[in-house]
Amino acid sequence: MRTIVITLCVSALLAGAPAAVAAQTAAYTRDVPDSLLKMAKVTEAKAAAIARRRVPNGTIRSLELERERGKLIYSFEIKVAGKAGITEVNVDAMTGRVGPLEHEKD
């Protein structure tokens, strides 16, 4: 009986996951061409989670999926409240690896 309850709870949480991802996606501007998105092995949601871990108290303001120096990357602009400027986090769309963080002043 206990296993069934746990399974149902997990199923209920997973059922709500797409809505949560959609809500997070809608919170920032996106420049994500379908042609590039089809090539990415890392999902936008996974890349956003990786970027949020690198800038823990930040809010994603924008996302661009682009080719940069021959690599397909998700480029996130993240704003931290009370800190001037934005932090750019680049996540490799094929591996999920994060490049060097860049902080840009206003």
N, C-alpha and C. Protein backbone atom coordinates (compact mmCIF):
# COMPACT_ATOMS: atom_id res chain seq x y z
N MET A 1 0.82 -1.19 0.00
CA MET A 1 0.00 0.00 0.00
C MET A 1 0.87 1.26 0.00
N ARG A 2 1.90 1.27 0.82
CA ARG A 2 2.77 2.44 0.91
C ARG A 2 3.43 2.72 -0.44
N THR A 3 3.84 1.70 -1.16
CA THR A 3 4.47 1.87 -2.47
C THR A 3 3.52 2.52 -3.46
N ILE A 4 2.28 2.13 -3.42
CA ILE A 4 1.27 2.69 -4.33
C ILE A 4 1.09 4.18 -4.05
N VAL A 5 1.02 4.55 -2.80
CA VAL A 5 0.84 5.96 -2.45
C VAL A 5 2.03 6.77 -2.94
N ILE A 6 3.24 6.28 -2.73
CA ILE A 6 4.43 6.98 -3.18
C ILE A 6 4.43 7.11 -4.70
N THR A 7 4.08 6.03 -5.38
CA THR A 7 4.03 6.06 -6.84
C THR A 7 3.02 7.10 -7.32
N LEU A 8 1.86 7.14 -6.68
CA LEU A 8 0.85 8.12 -7.08
C LEU A 8 1.32 9.54 -6.82
N CYS A 9 2.00 9.76 -5.70
CA CYS A 9 2.51 11.10 -5.40
C CYS A 9 3.56 11.52 -6.42
N VAL A 10 4.47 10.62 -6.75
CA VAL A 10 5.50 10.93 -7.74
C VAL A 10 4.86 11.19 -9.09
N SER A 11 3.88 10.39 -9.45
CA SER A 11 3.18 10.59 -10.72
C SER A 11 2.49 11.95 -10.76
N ALA A 12 1.89 12.35 -9.65
CA ALA A 12 1.22 13.65 -9.59
C ALA A 12 2.23 14.78 -9.74
N LEU A 13 3.40 14.65 -9.10
CA LEU A 13 4.43 15.68 -9.23
C LEU A 13 4.95 15.77 -10.66
N LEU A 14 5.18 14.62 -11.28
CA LEU A 14 5.67 14.62 -12.66
C LEU A 14 4.64 15.18 -13.63
N ALA A 15 3.38 14.94 -13.36
CA ALA A 15 2.34 15.46 -14.24
C ALA A 15 2.34 16.97 -14.24
N GLY A 16 2.70 17.60 -13.11
CA GLY A 16 2.75 19.05 -13.03
C GLY A 16 4.04 19.65 -13.57
N ALA A 17 5.04 18.83 -13.83
CA ALA A 17 6.35 19.32 -14.26
C ALA A 17 6.29 20.12 -15.56
N PRO A 18 5.59 19.67 -16.61
CA PRO A 18 5.57 20.47 -17.84
C PRO A 18 5.02 21.87 -17.64
N ALA A 19 4.03 22.02 -16.78
CA ALA A 19 3.46 23.34 -16.52
C ALA A 19 4.49 24.23 -15.83
N ALA A 20 5.26 23.65 -14.90
CA ALA A 20 6.28 24.42 -14.20
C ALA A 20 7.37 24.86 -15.17
N VAL A 21 7.78 23.98 -16.05
CA VAL A 21 8.80 24.33 -17.04
C VAL A 21 8.27 25.42 -17.97
N ALA A 22 7.03 25.30 -18.39
CA ALA A 22 6.44 26.32 -19.27
C ALA A 22 6.37 27.67 -18.57
N ALA A 23 6.06 27.67 -17.29
CA ALA A 23 5.99 28.93 -16.55
C ALA A 23 7.36 29.58 -16.46
N GLN A 24 8.41 28.77 -16.23
CA GLN A 24 9.75 29.32 -16.17
C GLN A 24 10.19 29.84 -17.53
N THR A 25 9.85 29.14 -18.59
CA THR A 25 10.23 29.53 -19.93
C THR A 25 9.58 30.86 -20.31
N ALA A 26 8.33 31.06 -19.92
CA ALA A 26 7.61 32.27 -20.27
C ALA A 26 8.14 33.49 -19.53
N ALA A 27 8.93 33.28 -18.48
CA ALA A 27 9.40 34.37 -17.64
C ALA A 27 10.54 35.15 -18.27
N TYR A 28 11.11 34.68 -19.37
CA TYR A 28 12.22 35.40 -20.00
C TYR A 28 12.06 35.42 -21.51
N THR A 29 12.76 36.35 -22.15
CA THR A 29 12.70 36.44 -23.61
C THR A 29 13.56 35.34 -24.20
N ARG A 30 13.13 34.84 -25.34
CA ARG A 30 13.81 33.71 -25.97
C ARG A 30 14.09 34.00 -27.43
N ASP A 31 15.29 33.67 -27.86
CA ASP A 31 15.65 33.66 -29.27
C ASP A 31 16.21 32.27 -29.53
N VAL A 32 15.30 31.35 -29.83
CA VAL A 32 15.65 29.93 -29.95
C VAL A 32 15.13 29.41 -31.29
N PRO A 33 15.94 29.50 -32.33
CA PRO A 33 15.50 29.01 -33.65
C PRO A 33 15.24 27.50 -33.63
N ASP A 34 14.12 27.10 -34.21
CA ASP A 34 13.76 25.68 -34.26
C ASP A 34 14.85 24.84 -34.93
N SER A 35 15.48 25.39 -35.97
CA SER A 35 16.52 24.64 -36.68
C SER A 35 17.68 24.28 -35.76
N LEU A 36 18.04 25.17 -34.84
CA LEU A 36 19.12 24.88 -33.89
C LEU A 36 18.63 24.01 -32.74
N LEU A 37 17.40 24.26 -32.29
CA LEU A 37 16.84 23.48 -31.19
C LEU A 37 16.78 22.00 -31.52
N LYS A 38 16.51 21.67 -32.78
CA LYS A 38 16.44 20.27 -33.21
C LYS A 38 17.79 19.57 -33.07
N MET A 39 18.88 20.32 -33.13
CA MET A 39 20.22 19.75 -33.03
C MET A 39 20.69 19.57 -31.59
N ALA A 40 20.10 20.31 -30.67
CA ALA A 40 20.56 20.31 -29.27
C ALA A 40 20.26 18.98 -28.60
N LYS A 41 21.24 18.46 -27.86
CA LYS A 41 21.05 17.24 -27.08
C LYS A 41 20.59 17.56 -25.66
N VAL A 42 20.91 18.76 -25.19
CA VAL A 42 20.48 19.22 -23.87
C VAL A 42 19.23 20.06 -24.06
N THR A 43 18.18 19.78 -23.30
CA THR A 43 16.95 20.54 -23.44
C THR A 43 17.11 21.95 -22.87
N GLU A 44 16.24 22.83 -23.29
CA GLU A 44 16.26 24.19 -22.75
C GLU A 44 16.04 24.17 -21.25
N ALA A 45 15.12 23.36 -20.77
CA ALA A 45 14.83 23.29 -19.34
C ALA A 45 16.05 22.83 -18.56
N LYS A 46 16.76 21.83 -19.06
CA LYS A 46 17.97 21.33 -18.40
C LYS A 46 19.05 22.40 -18.40
N ALA A 47 19.24 23.07 -19.54
CA ALA A 47 20.24 24.13 -19.63
C ALA A 47 19.91 25.27 -18.67
N ALA A 48 18.63 25.63 -18.56
CA ALA A 48 18.21 26.69 -17.64
C ALA A 48 18.51 26.29 -16.20
N ALA A 49 18.27 25.04 -15.85
CA ALA A 49 18.56 24.56 -14.49
C ALA A 49 20.06 24.64 -14.21
N ILE A 50 20.87 24.27 -15.20
CA ILE A 50 22.33 24.34 -15.05
C ILE A 50 22.75 25.80 -14.84
N ALA A 51 22.21 26.71 -15.64
CA ALA A 51 22.56 28.13 -15.53
C ALA A 51 22.13 28.69 -14.18
N ARG A 52 20.94 28.30 -13.70
CA ARG A 52 20.47 28.78 -12.40
C ARG A 52 21.36 28.30 -11.26
N ARG A 53 21.91 27.10 -11.38
CA ARG A 53 22.82 26.59 -10.35
C ARG A 53 24.12 27.40 -10.32
N ARG A 54 24.56 27.90 -11.46
CA ARG A 54 25.80 28.69 -11.51
C ARG A 54 25.61 30.10 -10.95
N VAL A 55 24.39 30.63 -11.05
CA VAL A 55 24.07 31.95 -10.49
C VAL A 55 22.83 31.76 -9.61
N PRO A 56 23.03 31.23 -8.41
CA PRO A 56 21.93 30.74 -7.58
C PRO A 56 20.83 31.74 -7.23
N ASN A 57 21.15 32.98 -7.00
CA ASN A 57 20.11 33.94 -6.60
C ASN A 57 19.68 34.82 -7.76
N GLY A 58 19.95 34.36 -8.97
CA GLY A 58 19.64 35.17 -10.15
C GLY A 58 18.33 34.81 -10.80
N THR A 59 17.89 35.69 -11.67
CA THR A 59 16.68 35.51 -12.46
C THR A 59 17.07 35.58 -13.93
N ILE A 60 16.69 34.57 -14.69
CA ILE A 60 16.99 34.58 -16.12
C ILE A 60 16.16 35.67 -16.79
N ARG A 61 16.84 36.55 -17.52
CA ARG A 61 16.17 37.63 -18.24
C ARG A 61 15.99 37.30 -19.71
N SER A 62 16.99 36.59 -20.29
CA SER A 62 16.88 36.24 -21.70
C SER A 62 17.71 35.01 -22.01
N LEU A 63 17.35 34.40 -23.13
CA LEU A 63 18.04 33.20 -23.60
C LEU A 63 18.20 33.30 -25.11
N GLU A 64 19.37 32.90 -25.57
CA GLU A 64 19.61 32.81 -27.00
C GLU A 64 20.31 31.47 -27.26
N LEU A 65 19.80 30.73 -28.24
CA LEU A 65 20.47 29.51 -28.69
C LEU A 65 21.19 29.88 -29.97
N GLU A 66 22.52 29.70 -29.97
CA GLU A 66 23.31 30.18 -31.09
C GLU A 66 24.55 29.32 -31.31
N ARG A 67 25.14 29.50 -32.46
CA ARG A 67 26.44 28.89 -32.75
C ARG A 67 27.49 29.92 -32.42
N GLU A 68 28.43 29.53 -31.58
CA GLU A 68 29.51 30.44 -31.22
C GLU A 68 30.82 29.66 -31.25
N ARG A 69 31.74 30.11 -32.07
CA ARG A 69 33.03 29.44 -32.25
C ARG A 69 32.86 27.95 -32.57
N GLY A 70 31.90 27.66 -33.43
CA GLY A 70 31.69 26.29 -33.87
C GLY A 70 30.89 25.42 -32.92
N LYS A 71 30.46 25.97 -31.78
CA LYS A 71 29.69 25.20 -30.80
C LYS A 71 28.27 25.73 -30.72
N LEU A 72 27.35 24.82 -30.45
CA LEU A 72 25.96 25.20 -30.23
C LEU A 72 25.79 25.46 -28.74
N ILE A 73 25.43 26.70 -28.39
CA ILE A 73 25.32 27.05 -26.98
C ILE A 73 24.01 27.75 -26.67
N TYR A 74 23.57 27.53 -25.43
CA TYR A 74 22.50 28.33 -24.84
C TYR A 74 23.21 29.47 -24.10
N SER A 75 22.86 30.69 -24.41
CA SER A 75 23.45 31.85 -23.76
C SER A 75 22.37 32.52 -22.91
N PHE A 76 22.53 32.43 -21.59
CA PHE A 76 21.56 33.00 -20.65
C PHE A 76 22.09 34.30 -20.08
N GLU A 77 21.23 35.32 -20.01
CA GLU A 77 21.54 36.56 -19.30
C GLU A 77 20.77 36.49 -17.98
N ILE A 78 21.52 36.55 -16.87
CA ILE A 78 20.93 36.38 -15.55
C ILE A 78 21.18 37.63 -14.71
N LYS A 79 20.14 38.12 -14.09
CA LYS A 79 20.20 39.31 -13.24
C LYS A 79 20.10 38.89 -11.78
N VAL A 80 21.01 39.41 -10.95
CA VAL A 80 20.96 39.18 -9.52
C VAL A 80 20.49 40.46 -8.86
N ALA A 81 19.42 40.37 -8.07
CA ALA A 81 18.88 41.54 -7.39
C ALA A 81 19.95 42.17 -6.50
N GLY A 82 20.06 43.49 -6.57
CA GLY A 82 21.01 44.22 -5.75
C GLY A 82 22.42 44.24 -6.30
N LYS A 83 22.66 43.62 -7.44
CA LYS A 83 23.98 43.59 -8.05
C LYS A 83 23.89 44.27 -9.41
N ALA A 84 24.79 45.20 -9.68
CA ALA A 84 24.77 45.92 -10.95
C ALA A 84 25.10 44.97 -12.10
N GLY A 85 24.48 45.21 -13.25
CA GLY A 85 24.77 44.46 -14.46
C GLY A 85 24.12 43.09 -14.50
N ILE A 86 24.58 42.29 -15.46
CA ILE A 86 24.05 40.94 -15.65
C ILE A 86 25.21 39.96 -15.77
N THR A 87 24.91 38.70 -15.51
CA THR A 87 25.89 37.64 -15.67
C THR A 87 25.47 36.80 -16.86
N GLU A 88 26.39 36.57 -17.78
CA GLU A 88 26.11 35.72 -18.93
C GLU A 88 26.65 34.32 -18.64
N VAL A 89 25.76 33.34 -18.80
CA VAL A 89 26.14 31.94 -18.59
C VAL A 89 25.92 31.20 -19.90
N ASN A 90 26.98 30.61 -20.43
CA ASN A 90 26.89 29.83 -21.66
C ASN A 90 26.92 28.35 -21.33
N VAL A 91 25.88 27.64 -21.78
CA VAL A 91 25.76 26.20 -21.54
C VAL A 91 25.85 25.50 -22.90
N ASP A 92 26.79 24.59 -23.04
CA ASP A 92 26.94 23.84 -24.28
C ASP A 92 25.68 23.00 -24.50
N ALA A 93 25.04 23.18 -25.64
CA ALA A 93 23.78 22.50 -25.94
C ALA A 93 23.96 21.03 -26.29
N MET A 94 25.20 20.60 -26.43
CA MET A 94 25.47 19.19 -26.75
C MET A 94 25.91 18.41 -25.51
N THR A 95 26.63 19.08 -24.59
CA THR A 95 27.20 18.38 -23.44
C THR A 95 26.67 18.85 -22.09
N GLY A 96 26.12 20.06 -22.02
CA GLY A 96 25.67 20.62 -20.75
C GLY A 96 26.78 21.29 -19.96
N ARG A 97 27.98 21.32 -20.51
CA ARG A 97 29.10 21.97 -19.83
C ARG A 97 28.94 23.49 -19.86
N VAL A 98 29.40 24.12 -18.79
CA VAL A 98 29.29 25.58 -18.68
C VAL A 98 30.64 26.21 -18.99
N GLY A 99 30.60 27.24 -19.82
CA GLY A 99 31.81 28.00 -20.13
C GLY A 99 32.07 29.02 -19.04
N PRO A 100 33.12 29.82 -19.19
CA PRO A 100 33.43 30.85 -18.19
C PRO A 100 32.27 31.84 -18.06
N LEU A 101 31.97 32.23 -16.84
CA LEU A 101 30.92 33.23 -16.61
C LEU A 101 31.46 34.60 -16.98
N GLU A 102 30.60 35.43 -17.53
CA GLU A 102 30.99 36.80 -17.88
C GLU A 102 30.01 37.74 -17.17
N HIS A 103 30.55 38.68 -16.43
CA HIS A 103 29.69 39.67 -15.78
C HIS A 103 29.82 40.98 -16.55
N GLU A 104 28.68 41.50 -16.98
CA GLU A 104 28.66 42.74 -17.75
C GLU A 104 28.00 43.82 -16.91
N LYS A 105 28.72 44.91 -16.71
CA LYS A 105 28.18 46.04 -15.95
C LYS A 105 27.16 46.78 -16.80
N ASP A 106 26.30 47.57 -16.14
CA ASP A 106 25.29 48.36 -16.86
C ASP A 106 25.93 49.33 -17.82
